[in-house]
Amino acid sequence: MSSLFGRVAPQPQQQQTDAQKKEAVMNSVRQEVAAANAKELVDNMTEKCYAKCVTKPGTSLTSSEETCVGRCMELYLQAFTAVTTTYRTRLGKERLAELHGESSSS
């Protein structure tokens, strides 16, 4: 909004609406990133476990191949969960350090 003296500051309701719009966009981006990460995880897990467990591709998996793929996928997910948890913990500590004005060291 303009006046004779230049731009007028937005009203509190408009600021809240802008903040809500920004948060909605941020949530949408977070969801898209999470979906892309999940797809990448499944693609990588499938590729690696298949390469490890299926040495002679055929029309179906043998019992031992099924067992191997199942174990491989379970271990892959456990490792992914451990790495993700550690990463989130580290980010949380770094954010707390920033809030308290401390510098983080690696």
PDB file of N, CA and C in Angstrom:
ATOM      1  N   MET A   1       0.851  -1.161   0.000  1.00  0.00           N
ATOM      2  CA  MET A   1       0.000   0.000   0.000  1.00  0.00           C
ATOM      3  C   MET A   1       0.898   1.226   0.000  1.00  0.00           C
ATOM      4  N   SER A   2       0.559   2.257  -0.793  1.00  0.00           N
ATOM      5  CA  SER A   2       1.372   3.459  -0.885  1.00  0.00           C
ATOM      6  C   SER A   2       0.611   4.659  -0.374  1.00  0.00           C
ATOM      7  N   SER A   3       1.353   5.677   0.004  1.00  0.00           N
ATOM      8  CA  SER A   3       0.777   6.950   0.411  1.00  0.00           C
ATOM      9  C   SER A   3       1.666   8.043  -0.162  1.00  0.00           C
ATOM     10  N   LEU A   4       1.368   9.286   0.180  1.00  0.00           N
ATOM     11  CA  LEU A   4       2.192  10.399  -0.281  1.00  0.00           C
ATOM     12  C   LEU A   4       3.610  10.301   0.259  1.00  0.00           C
ATOM     13  N   PHE A   5       3.792   9.622   1.387  1.00  0.00           N
ATOM     14  CA  PHE A   5       5.098   9.564   2.044  1.00  0.00           C
ATOM     15  C   PHE A   5       5.832   8.260   1.772  1.00  0.00           C
ATOM     16  N   GLY A   6       5.419   7.520   0.794  1.00  0.00           N
ATOM     17  CA  GLY A   6       6.104   6.269   0.468  1.00  0.00           C
ATOM     18  C   GLY A   6       5.266   5.064   0.840  1.00  0.00           C
ATOM     19  N   ARG A   7       5.925   3.973   0.999  1.00  0.00           N
ATOM     20  CA  ARG A   7       5.258   2.694   1.276  1.00  0.00           C
ATOM     21  C   ARG A   7       4.794   2.648   2.728  1.00  0.00           C
ATOM     22  N   VAL A   8       3.571   2.191   2.924  1.00  0.00           N
ATOM     23  CA  VAL A   8       3.008   2.034   4.258  1.00  0.00           C
ATOM     24  C   VAL A   8       3.239   0.600   4.707  1.00  0.00           C
ATOM     25  N   ALA A   9       3.612   0.425   5.967  1.00  0.00           N
ATOM     26  CA  ALA A   9       3.864  -0.915   6.500  1.00  0.00           C
ATOM     27  C   ALA A   9       2.590  -1.745   6.433  1.00  0.00           C
ATOM     28  N   PRO A  10       2.715  -3.042   6.119  1.00  0.00           N
ATOM     29  CA  PRO A  10       1.541  -3.912   6.070  1.00  0.00           C
ATOM     30  C   PRO A  10       0.892  -4.027   7.443  1.00  0.00           C
ATOM     31  N   GLN A  11      -0.391  -4.211   7.420  1.00  0.00           N
ATOM     32  CA  GLN A  11      -1.140  -4.382   8.656  1.00  0.00           C
ATOM     33  C   GLN A  11      -0.799  -5.727   9.289  1.00  0.00           C
ATOM     34  N   PRO A  12      -0.978  -5.884  10.620  1.00  0.00           N
ATOM     35  CA  PRO A  12      -0.666  -7.158  11.279  1.00  0.00           C
ATOM     36  C   PRO A  12      -1.358  -8.353  10.646  1.00  0.00           C
ATOM     37  N   GLN A  13      -2.624  -8.185  10.212  1.00  0.00           N
ATOM     38  CA  GLN A  13      -3.327  -9.298   9.578  1.00  0.00           C
ATOM     39  C   GLN A  13      -2.632  -9.707   8.287  1.00  0.00           C
ATOM     40  N   GLN A  14      -2.173  -8.752   7.505  1.00  0.00           N
ATOM     41  CA  GLN A  14      -1.481  -9.054   6.255  1.00  0.00           C
ATOM     42  C   GLN A  14      -0.158  -9.753   6.545  1.00  0.00           C
ATOM     43  N   GLN A  15       0.566  -9.304   7.582  1.00  0.00           N
ATOM     44  CA  GLN A  15       1.814  -9.951   7.954  1.00  0.00           C
ATOM     45  C   GLN A  15       1.566 -11.388   8.361  1.00  0.00           C
ATOM     46  N   GLN A  16       0.504 -11.617   9.118  1.00  0.00           N
ATOM     47  CA  GLN A  16       0.180 -12.973   9.542  1.00  0.00           C
ATOM     48  C   GLN A  16      -0.154 -13.827   8.324  1.00  0.00           C
ATOM     49  N   THR A  17      -0.892 -13.286   7.398  1.00  0.00           N
ATOM     50  CA  THR A  17      -1.239 -14.018   6.189  1.00  0.00           C
ATOM     51  C   THR A  17       0.017 -14.339   5.394  1.00  0.00           C
ATOM     52  N   ASP A  18       0.927 -13.378   5.280  1.00  0.00           N
ATOM     53  CA  ASP A  18       2.183 -13.617   4.575  1.00  0.00           C
ATOM     54  C   ASP A  18       2.995 -14.700   5.283  1.00  0.00           C
ATOM     55  N   ALA A  19       3.039 -14.659   6.614  1.00  0.00           N
ATOM     56  CA  ALA A  19       3.766 -15.671   7.394  1.00  0.00           C
ATOM     57  C   ALA A  19       3.131 -17.044   7.201  1.00  0.00           C
ATOM     58  N   GLN A  20       1.801 -17.074   7.163  1.00  0.00           N
ATOM     59  CA  GLN A  20       1.109 -18.348   6.955  1.00  0.00           C
ATOM     60  C   GLN A  20       1.393 -18.892   5.563  1.00  0.00           C
ATOM     61  N   LYS A  21       1.418 -18.015   4.567  1.00  0.00           N
ATOM     62  CA  LYS A  21       1.727 -18.441   3.201  1.00  0.00           C
ATOM     63  C   LYS A  21       3.151 -18.990   3.129  1.00  0.00           C
ATOM     64  N   LYS A  22       4.077 -18.283   3.766  1.00  0.00           N
ATOM     65  CA  LYS A  22       5.471 -18.727   3.773  1.00  0.00           C
ATOM     66  C   LYS A  22       5.584 -20.088   4.438  1.00  0.00           C
ATOM     67  N   GLU A  23       4.912 -20.281   5.570  1.00  0.00           N
ATOM     68  CA  GLU A  23       4.963 -21.564   6.282  1.00  0.00           C
ATOM     69  C   GLU A  23       4.350 -22.677   5.433  1.00  0.00           C
ATOM     70  N   ALA A  24       3.273 -22.388   4.729  1.00  0.00           N
ATOM     71  CA  ALA A  24       2.646 -23.389   3.869  1.00  0.00           C
ATOM     72  C   ALA A  24       3.593 -23.799   2.738  1.00  0.00           C
ATOM     73  N   VAL A  25       4.285 -22.840   2.152  1.00  0.00           N
ATOM     74  CA  VAL A  25       5.247 -23.151   1.091  1.00  0.00           C
ATOM     75  C   VAL A  25       6.395 -23.978   1.658  1.00  0.00           C
ATOM     76  N   MET A  26       6.889 -23.575   2.836  1.00  0.00           N
ATOM     77  CA  MET A  26       7.982 -24.317   3.476  1.00  0.00           C
ATOM     78  C   MET A  26       7.557 -25.764   3.762  1.00  0.00           C
ATOM     79  N   ASN A  27       6.345 -25.958   4.266  1.00  0.00           N
ATOM     80  CA  ASN A  27       5.846 -27.313   4.543  1.00  0.00           C
ATOM     81  C   ASN A  27       5.745 -28.130   3.262  1.00  0.00           C
ATOM     82  N   SER A  28       5.288 -27.498   2.201  1.00  0.00           N
ATOM     83  CA  SER A  28       5.177 -28.182   0.920  1.00  0.00           C
ATOM     84  C   SER A  28       6.557 -28.618   0.419  1.00  0.00           C
ATOM     85  N   VAL A  29       7.525 -27.731   0.533  1.00  0.00           N
ATOM     86  CA  VAL A  29       8.891 -28.056   0.110  1.00  0.00           C
ATOM     87  C   VAL A  29       9.452 -29.190   0.970  1.00  0.00           C
ATOM     88  N   ARG A  30       9.214 -29.121   2.287  1.00  0.00           N
ATOM     89  CA  ARG A  30       9.691 -30.192   3.181  1.00  0.00           C
ATOM     90  C   ARG A  30       9.104 -31.542   2.782  1.00  0.00           C
ATOM     91  N   GLN A  31       7.823 -31.550   2.448  1.00  0.00           N
ATOM     92  CA  GLN A  31       7.170 -32.802   2.050  1.00  0.00           C
ATOM     93  C   GLN A  31       7.750 -33.331   0.743  1.00  0.00           C
ATOM     94  N   GLU A  32       8.010 -32.440  -0.199  1.00  0.00           N
ATOM     95  CA  GLU A  32       8.588 -32.865  -1.474  1.00  0.00           C
ATOM     96  C   GLU A  32       9.999 -33.413  -1.280  1.00  0.00           C
ATOM     97  N   VAL A  33      10.779 -32.766  -0.425  1.00  0.00           N
ATOM     98  CA  VAL A  33      12.137 -33.240  -0.146  1.00  0.00           C
ATOM     99  C   VAL A  33      12.085 -34.599   0.547  1.00  0.00           C
ATOM    100  N   ALA A  34      11.170 -34.755   1.506  1.00  0.00           N
ATOM    101  CA  ALA A  34      11.032 -36.036   2.206  1.00  0.00           C
ATOM    102  C   ALA A  34      10.644 -37.149   1.233  1.00  0.00           C
ATOM    103  N   ALA A  35       9.733 -36.864   0.318  1.00  0.00           N
ATOM    104  CA  ALA A  35       9.321 -37.868  -0.671  1.00  0.00           C
ATOM    105  C   ALA A  35      10.487 -38.229  -1.600  1.00  0.00           C
ATOM    106  N   ALA A  36      11.247 -37.226  -2.015  1.00  0.00           N
ATOM    107  CA  ALA A  36      12.404 -37.491  -2.883  1.00  0.00           C
ATOM    108  C   ALA A  36      13.455 -38.315  -2.139  1.00  0.00           C
ATOM    109  N   ASN A  37      13.679 -37.989  -0.863  1.00  0.00           N
ATOM    110  CA  ASN A  37      14.646 -38.752  -0.062  1.00  0.00           C
ATOM    111  C   ASN A  37      14.185 -40.192   0.135  1.00  0.00           C
ATOM    112  N   ALA A  38      12.902 -40.392   0.369  1.00  0.00           N
ATOM    113  CA  ALA A  38      12.370 -41.744   0.548  1.00  0.00           C
ATOM    114  C   ALA A  38      12.525 -42.549  -0.743  1.00  0.00           C
ATOM    115  N   LYS A  39      12.239 -41.925  -1.868  1.00  0.00           N
ATOM    116  CA  LYS A  39      12.397 -42.611  -3.155  1.00  0.00           C
ATOM    117  C   LYS A  39      13.856 -42.985  -3.390  1.00  0.00           C
ATOM    118  N   GLU A  40      14.765 -42.061  -3.101  1.00  0.00           N
ATOM    119  CA  GLU A  40      16.191 -42.335  -3.277  1.00  0.00           C
ATOM    120  C   GLU A  40      16.643 -43.468  -2.364  1.00  0.00           C
ATOM    121  N   LEU A  41      16.151 -43.475  -1.122  1.00  0.00           N
ATOM    122  CA  LEU A  41      16.490 -44.542  -0.182  1.00  0.00           C
ATOM    123  C   LEU A  41      16.052 -45.895  -0.731  1.00  0.00           C
ATOM    124  N   VAL A  42      14.818 -45.990  -1.176  1.00  0.00           N
ATOM    125  CA  VAL A  42      14.291 -47.251  -1.701  1.00  0.00           C
ATOM    126  C   VAL A  42      15.048 -47.673  -2.960  1.00  0.00           C
ATOM    127  N   ASP A  43      15.322 -46.713  -3.841  1.00  0.00           N
ATOM    128  CA  ASP A  43      16.067 -47.035  -5.064  1.00  0.00           C
ATOM    129  C   ASP A  43      17.464 -47.572  -4.739  1.00  0.00           C
ATOM    130  N   ASN A  44      18.176 -46.887  -3.848  1.00  0.00           N
ATOM    131  CA  ASN A  44      19.523 -47.329  -3.472  1.00  0.00           C
ATOM    132  C   ASN A  44      19.492 -48.688  -2.787  1.00  0.00           C
ATOM    133  N   MET A  45      18.557 -48.852  -1.868  1.00  0.00           N
ATOM    134  CA  MET A  45      18.437 -50.111  -1.136  1.00  0.00           C
ATOM    135  C   MET A  45      18.139 -51.256  -2.099  1.00  0.00           C
ATOM    136  N   THR A  46      17.223 -51.035  -3.012  1.00  0.00           N
ATOM    137  CA  THR A  46      16.861 -52.065  -3.985  1.00  0.00           C
ATOM    138  C   THR A  46      18.060 -52.431  -4.851  1.00  0.00           C
ATOM    139  N   GLU A  47      18.742 -51.426  -5.353  1.00  0.00           N
ATOM    140  CA  GLU A  47      19.896 -51.665  -6.221  1.00  0.00           C
ATOM    141  C   GLU A  47      20.996 -52.435  -5.495  1.00  0.00           C
ATOM    142  N   LYS A  48      21.343 -51.987  -4.295  1.00  0.00           N
ATOM    143  CA  LYS A  48      22.437 -52.621  -3.557  1.00  0.00           C
ATOM    144  C   LYS A  48      22.077 -54.034  -3.089  1.00  0.00           C
ATOM    145  N   CYS A  49      20.866 -54.198  -2.567  1.00  0.00           N
ATOM    146  CA  CYS A  49      20.474 -55.524  -2.084  1.00  0.00           C
ATOM    147  C   CYS A  49      20.296 -56.510  -3.242  1.00  0.00           C
ATOM    148  N   TYR A  50      19.773 -56.043  -4.349  1.00  0.00           N
ATOM    149  CA  TYR A  50      19.626 -56.911  -5.514  1.00  0.00           C
ATOM    150  C   TYR A  50      21.004 -57.361  -5.997  1.00  0.00           C
ATOM    151  N   ALA A  51      21.920 -56.401  -6.119  1.00  0.00           N
ATOM    152  CA  ALA A  51      23.260 -56.732  -6.597  1.00  0.00           C
ATOM    153  C   ALA A  51      23.959 -57.715  -5.661  1.00  0.00           C
ATOM    154  N   LYS A  52      23.728 -57.566  -4.370  1.00  0.00           N
ATOM    155  CA  LYS A  52      24.380 -58.439  -3.390  1.00  0.00           C
ATOM    156  C   LYS A  52      23.755 -59.832  -3.351  1.00  0.00           C
ATOM    157  N   CYS A  53      22.441 -59.899  -3.448  1.00  0.00           N
ATOM    158  CA  CYS A  53      21.732 -61.148  -3.169  1.00  0.00           C
ATOM    159  C   CYS A  53      21.307 -61.960  -4.387  1.00  0.00           C
ATOM    160  N   VAL A  54      21.126 -61.319  -5.514  1.00  0.00           N
ATOM    161  CA  VAL A  54      20.625 -62.028  -6.698  1.00  0.00           C
ATOM    162  C   VAL A  54      21.773 -62.160  -7.696  1.00  0.00           C
ATOM    163  N   THR A  55      22.482 -63.265  -7.582  1.00  0.00           N
ATOM    164  CA  THR A  55      23.662 -63.474  -8.433  1.00  0.00           C
ATOM    165  C   THR A  55      23.307 -64.031  -9.807  1.00  0.00           C
ATOM    166  N   LYS A  56      22.216 -64.788  -9.878  1.00  0.00           N
ATOM    167  CA  LYS A  56      21.773 -65.354 -11.150  1.00  0.00           C
ATOM    168  C   LYS A  56      20.293 -65.004 -11.352  1.00  0.00           C
ATOM    169  N   PRO A  57      20.026 -63.837 -11.961  1.00  0.00           N
ATOM    170  CA  PRO A  57      18.634 -63.424 -12.145  1.00  0.00           C
ATOM    171  C   PRO A  57      17.822 -64.451 -12.934  1.00  0.00           C
ATOM    172  N   GLY A  58      16.593 -64.648 -12.500  1.00  0.00           N
ATOM    173  CA  GLY A  58      15.674 -65.554 -13.174  1.00  0.00           C
ATOM    174  C   GLY A  58      14.278 -64.961 -13.139  1.00  0.00           C
ATOM    175  N   THR A  59      13.291 -65.805 -13.331  1.00  0.00           N
ATOM    176  CA  THR A  59      11.909 -65.321 -13.345  1.00  0.00           C
ATOM    177  C   THR A  59      11.359 -65.114 -11.940  1.00  0.00           C
ATOM    178  N   SER A  60      12.009 -65.715 -10.942  1.00  0.00           N
ATOM    179  CA  SER A  60      11.591 -65.521  -9.552  1.00  0.00           C
ATOM    180  C   SER A  60      12.791 -65.663  -8.632  1.00  0.00           C
ATOM    181  N   LEU A  61      12.621 -65.219  -7.397  1.00  0.00           N
ATOM    182  CA  LEU A  61      13.700 -65.329  -6.422  1.00  0.00           C
ATOM    183  C   LEU A  61      13.674 -66.695  -5.754  1.00  0.00           C
ATOM    184  N   THR A  62      14.851 -67.210  -5.485  1.00  0.00           N
ATOM    185  CA  THR A  62      14.924 -68.450  -4.706  1.00  0.00           C
ATOM    186  C   THR A  62      14.677 -68.116  -3.244  1.00  0.00           C
ATOM    187  N   SER A  63      14.469 -69.138  -2.449  1.00  0.00           N
ATOM    188  CA  SER A  63      14.246 -68.943  -1.021  1.00  0.00           C
ATOM    189  C   SER A  63      15.437 -68.239  -0.372  1.00  0.00           C
ATOM    190  N   SER A  64      16.641 -68.637  -0.713  1.00  0.00           N
ATOM    191  CA  SER A  64      17.828 -68.010  -0.121  1.00  0.00           C
ATOM    192  C   SER A  64      17.986 -66.566  -0.591  1.00  0.00           C
ATOM    193  N   GLU A  65      17.609 -66.277  -1.841  1.00  0.00           N
ATOM    194  CA  GLU A  65      17.664 -64.899  -2.334  1.00  0.00           C
ATOM    195  C   GLU A  65      16.651 -64.023  -1.594  1.00  0.00           C
ATOM    196  N   GLU A  66      15.454 -64.553  -1.381  1.00  0.00           N
ATOM    197  CA  GLU A  66      14.440 -63.806  -0.634  1.00  0.00           C
ATOM    198  C   GLU A  66      14.917 -63.485   0.774  1.00  0.00           C
ATOM    199  N   THR A  67      15.513 -64.485   1.425  1.00  0.00           N
ATOM    200  CA  THR A  67      16.028 -64.292   2.779  1.00  0.00           C
ATOM    201  C   THR A  67      17.130 -63.241   2.781  1.00  0.00           C
ATOM    202  N   CYS A  68      18.042 -63.348   1.832  1.00  0.00           N
ATOM    203  CA  CYS A  68      19.155 -62.400   1.721  1.00  0.00           C
ATOM    204  C   CYS A  68      18.637 -60.976   1.490  1.00  0.00           C
ATOM    205  N   VAL A  69      17.709 -60.821   0.556  1.00  0.00           N
ATOM    206  CA  VAL A  69      17.161 -59.497   0.256  1.00  0.00           C
ATOM    207  C   VAL A  69      16.467 -58.927   1.493  1.00  0.00           C
ATOM    208  N   GLY A  70      15.708 -59.752   2.191  1.00  0.00           N
ATOM    209  CA  GLY A  70      15.017 -59.298   3.406  1.00  0.00           C
ATOM    210  C   GLY A  70      15.986 -58.819   4.470  1.00  0.00           C
ATOM    211  N   ARG A  71      17.027 -59.593   4.706  1.00  0.00           N
ATOM    212  CA  ARG A  71      18.041 -59.203   5.698  1.00  0.00           C
ATOM    213  C   ARG A  71      18.782 -57.945   5.263  1.00  0.00           C
ATOM    214  N   CYS A  72      19.143 -57.905   3.999  1.00  0.00           N
ATOM    215  CA  CYS A  72      19.860 -56.751   3.463  1.00  0.00           C
ATOM    216  C   CYS A  72      19.041 -55.474   3.641  1.00  0.00           C
ATOM    217  N   MET A  73      17.762 -55.538   3.293  1.00  0.00           N
ATOM    218  CA  MET A  73      16.901 -54.367   3.408  1.00  0.00           C
ATOM    219  C   MET A  73      16.747 -53.946   4.865  1.00  0.00           C
ATOM    220  N   GLU A  74      16.608 -54.909   5.751  1.00  0.00           N
ATOM    221  CA  GLU A  74      16.483 -54.605   7.174  1.00  0.00           C
ATOM    222  C   GLU A  74      17.743 -53.902   7.688  1.00  0.00           C
ATOM    223  N   LEU A  75      18.910 -54.430   7.341  1.00  0.00           N
ATOM    224  CA  LEU A  75      20.163 -53.814   7.770  1.00  0.00           C
ATOM    225  C   LEU A  75      20.347 -52.431   7.156  1.00  0.00           C
ATOM    226  N   TYR A  76      19.980 -52.287   5.907  1.00  0.00           N
ATOM    227  CA  TYR A  76      20.088 -51.001   5.226  1.00  0.00           C
ATOM    228  C   TYR A  76      19.238 -49.955   5.932  1.00  0.00           C
ATOM    229  N   LEU A  77      18.000 -50.329   6.290  1.00  0.00           N
ATOM    230  CA  LEU A  77      17.115 -49.399   6.993  1.00  0.00           C
ATOM    231  C   LEU A  77      17.629 -49.081   8.391  1.00  0.00           C
ATOM    232  N   GLN A  78      18.188 -50.076   9.079  1.00  0.00           N
ATOM    233  CA  GLN A  78      18.755 -49.819  10.405  1.00  0.00           C
ATOM    234  C   GLN A  78      19.913 -48.832  10.308  1.00  0.00           C
ATOM    235  N   ALA A  79      20.773 -49.028   9.331  1.00  0.00           N
ATOM    236  CA  ALA A  79      21.901 -48.118   9.144  1.00  0.00           C
ATOM    237  C   ALA A  79      21.414 -46.720   8.791  1.00  0.00           C
ATOM    238  N   PHE A  80      20.426 -46.635   7.897  1.00  0.00           N
ATOM    239  CA  PHE A  80      19.870 -45.333   7.518  1.00  0.00           C
ATOM    240  C   PHE A  80      19.277 -44.628   8.726  1.00  0.00           C
ATOM    241  N   THR A  81      18.546 -45.367   9.558  1.00  0.00           N
ATOM    242  CA  THR A  81      17.935 -44.796  10.757  1.00  0.00           C
ATOM    243  C   THR A  81      19.002 -44.292  11.722  1.00  0.00           C
ATOM    244  N   ALA A  82      20.065 -45.063  11.911  1.00  0.00           N
ATOM    245  CA  ALA A  82      21.144 -44.654  12.810  1.00  0.00           C
ATOM    246  C   ALA A  82      21.817 -43.373  12.319  1.00  0.00           C
ATOM    247  N   VAL A  83      22.089 -43.319  11.020  1.00  0.00           N
ATOM    248  CA  VAL A  83      22.734 -42.133  10.458  1.00  0.00           C
ATOM    249  C   VAL A  83      21.812 -40.922  10.567  1.00  0.00           C
ATOM    250  N   THR A  84      20.545 -41.097  10.248  1.00  0.00           N
ATOM    251  CA  THR A  84      19.582 -40.004  10.311  1.00  0.00           C
ATOM    252  C   THR A  84      19.440 -39.480  11.737  1.00  0.00           C
ATOM    253  N   THR A  85      19.341 -40.383  12.698  1.00  0.00           N
ATOM    254  CA  THR A  85      19.206 -39.988  14.099  1.00  0.00           C
ATOM    255  C   THR A  85      20.432 -39.210  14.560  1.00  0.00           C
ATOM    256  N   THR A  86      21.600 -39.701  14.219  1.00  0.00           N
ATOM    257  CA  THR A  86      22.846 -39.024  14.594  1.00  0.00           C
ATOM    258  C   THR A  86      22.920 -37.639  13.959  1.00  0.00           C
ATOM    259  N   TYR A  87      22.539 -37.549  12.700  1.00  0.00           N
ATOM    260  CA  TYR A  87      22.569 -36.272  11.987  1.00  0.00           C
ATOM    261  C   TYR A  87      21.605 -35.271  12.619  1.00  0.00           C
ATOM    262  N   ARG A  88      20.396 -35.712  12.919  1.00  0.00           N
ATOM    263  CA  ARG A  88      19.412 -34.813  13.536  1.00  0.00           C
ATOM    264  C   ARG A  88      19.878 -34.356  14.917  1.00  0.00           C
ATOM    265  N   THR A  89      20.480 -35.252  15.681  1.00  0.00           N
ATOM    266  CA  THR A  89      20.990 -34.896  17.003  1.00  0.00           C
ATOM    267  C   THR A  89      22.074 -33.833  16.869  1.00  0.00           C
ATOM    268  N   ARG A  90      22.968 -34.036  15.909  1.00  0.00           N
ATOM    269  CA  ARG A  90      24.046 -33.068  15.697  1.00  0.00           C
ATOM    270  C   ARG A  90      23.488 -31.711  15.282  1.00  0.00           C
ATOM    271  N   LEU A  91      22.536 -31.702  14.378  1.00  0.00           N
ATOM    272  CA  LEU A  91      21.926 -30.439  13.961  1.00  0.00           C
ATOM    273  C   LEU A  91      21.273 -29.730  15.142  1.00  0.00           C
ATOM    274  N   GLY A  92      20.581 -30.506  15.976  1.00  0.00           N
ATOM    275  CA  GLY A  92      19.942 -29.924  17.154  1.00  0.00           C
ATOM    276  C   GLY A  92      20.950 -29.293  18.090  1.00  0.00           C
ATOM    277  N   LYS A  93      22.066 -29.968  18.320  1.00  0.00           N
ATOM    278  CA  LYS A  93      23.117 -29.421  19.187  1.00  0.00           C
ATOM    279  C   LYS A  93      23.714 -28.154  18.586  1.00  0.00           C
ATOM    280  N   GLU A  94      23.926 -28.165  17.280  1.00  0.00           N
ATOM    281  CA  GLU A  94      24.485 -26.981  16.620  1.00  0.00           C
ATOM    282  C   GLU A  94      23.531 -25.804  16.695  1.00  0.00           C
ATOM    283  N   ARG A  95      22.251 -26.063  16.530  1.00  0.00           N
ATOM    284  CA  ARG A  95      21.262 -24.984  16.626  1.00  0.00           C
ATOM    285  C   ARG A  95      21.209 -24.415  18.034  1.00  0.00           C
ATOM    286  N   LEU A  96      21.264 -25.290  19.042  1.00  0.00           N
ATOM    287  CA  LEU A  96      21.286 -24.817  20.424  1.00  0.00           C
ATOM    288  C   LEU A  96      22.529 -23.985  20.696  1.00  0.00           C
ATOM    289  N   ALA A  97      23.659 -24.421  20.183  1.00  0.00           N
ATOM    290  CA  ALA A  97      24.903 -23.673  20.359  1.00  0.00           C
ATOM    291  C   ALA A  97      24.792 -22.287  19.713  1.00  0.00           C
ATOM    292  N   GLU A  98      24.171 -22.230  18.526  1.00  0.00           N
ATOM    293  CA  GLU A  98      23.989 -20.954  17.853  1.00  0.00           C
ATOM    294  C   GLU A  98      23.072 -20.043  18.665  1.00  0.00           C
ATOM    295  N   LEU A  99      22.022 -20.597  19.230  1.00  0.00           N
ATOM    296  CA  LEU A  99      21.095 -19.809  20.034  1.00  0.00           C
ATOM    297  C   LEU A  99      21.763 -19.234  21.275  1.00  0.00           C
ATOM    298  N   HIS A 100      22.714 -19.967  21.812  1.00  0.00           N
ATOM    299  CA  HIS A 100      23.410 -19.539  23.016  1.00  0.00           C
ATOM    300  C   HIS A 100      24.665 -18.733  22.699  1.00  0.00           C
ATOM    301  N   GLY A 101      24.892 -18.483  21.397  1.00  0.00           N
ATOM    302  CA  GLY A 101      26.020 -17.676  20.989  1.00  0.00           C
ATOM    303  C   GLY A 101      27.358 -18.375  21.019  1.00  0.00           C
ATOM    304  N   GLU A 102      27.339 -19.690  21.068  1.00  0.00           N
ATOM    305  CA  GLU A 102      28.594 -20.440  21.084  1.00  0.00           C
ATOM    306  C   GLU A 102      28.918 -20.840  19.651  1.00  0.00           C
ATOM    307  N   SER A 103      30.164 -21.055  19.386  1.00  0.00           N
ATOM    308  CA  SER A 103      30.534 -21.560  18.057  1.00  0.00           C
ATOM    309  C   SER A 103      30.673 -23.066  18.160  1.00  0.00           C
ATOM    310  N   SER A 104      30.184 -23.763  17.122  1.00  0.00           N
ATOM    311  CA  SER A 104      30.279 -25.226  17.125  1.00  0.00           C
ATOM    312  C   SER A 104      31.563 -25.631  16.452  1.00  0.00           C
ATOM    313  N   SER A 105      32.140 -26.710  16.935  1.00  0.00           N
ATOM    314  CA  SER A 105      33.342 -27.238  16.311  1.00  0.00           C
ATOM    315  C   SER A 105      33.104 -28.678  15.942  1.00  0.00           C
ATOM    316  N   SER A 106      33.675 -29.086  14.802  1.00  0.00           N
ATOM    317  CA  SER A 106      33.478 -30.454  14.316  1.00  0.00           C
ATOM    318  C   SER A 106      34.580 -31.347  14.761  1.00  0.00           C
TER     319      SER A 106
END
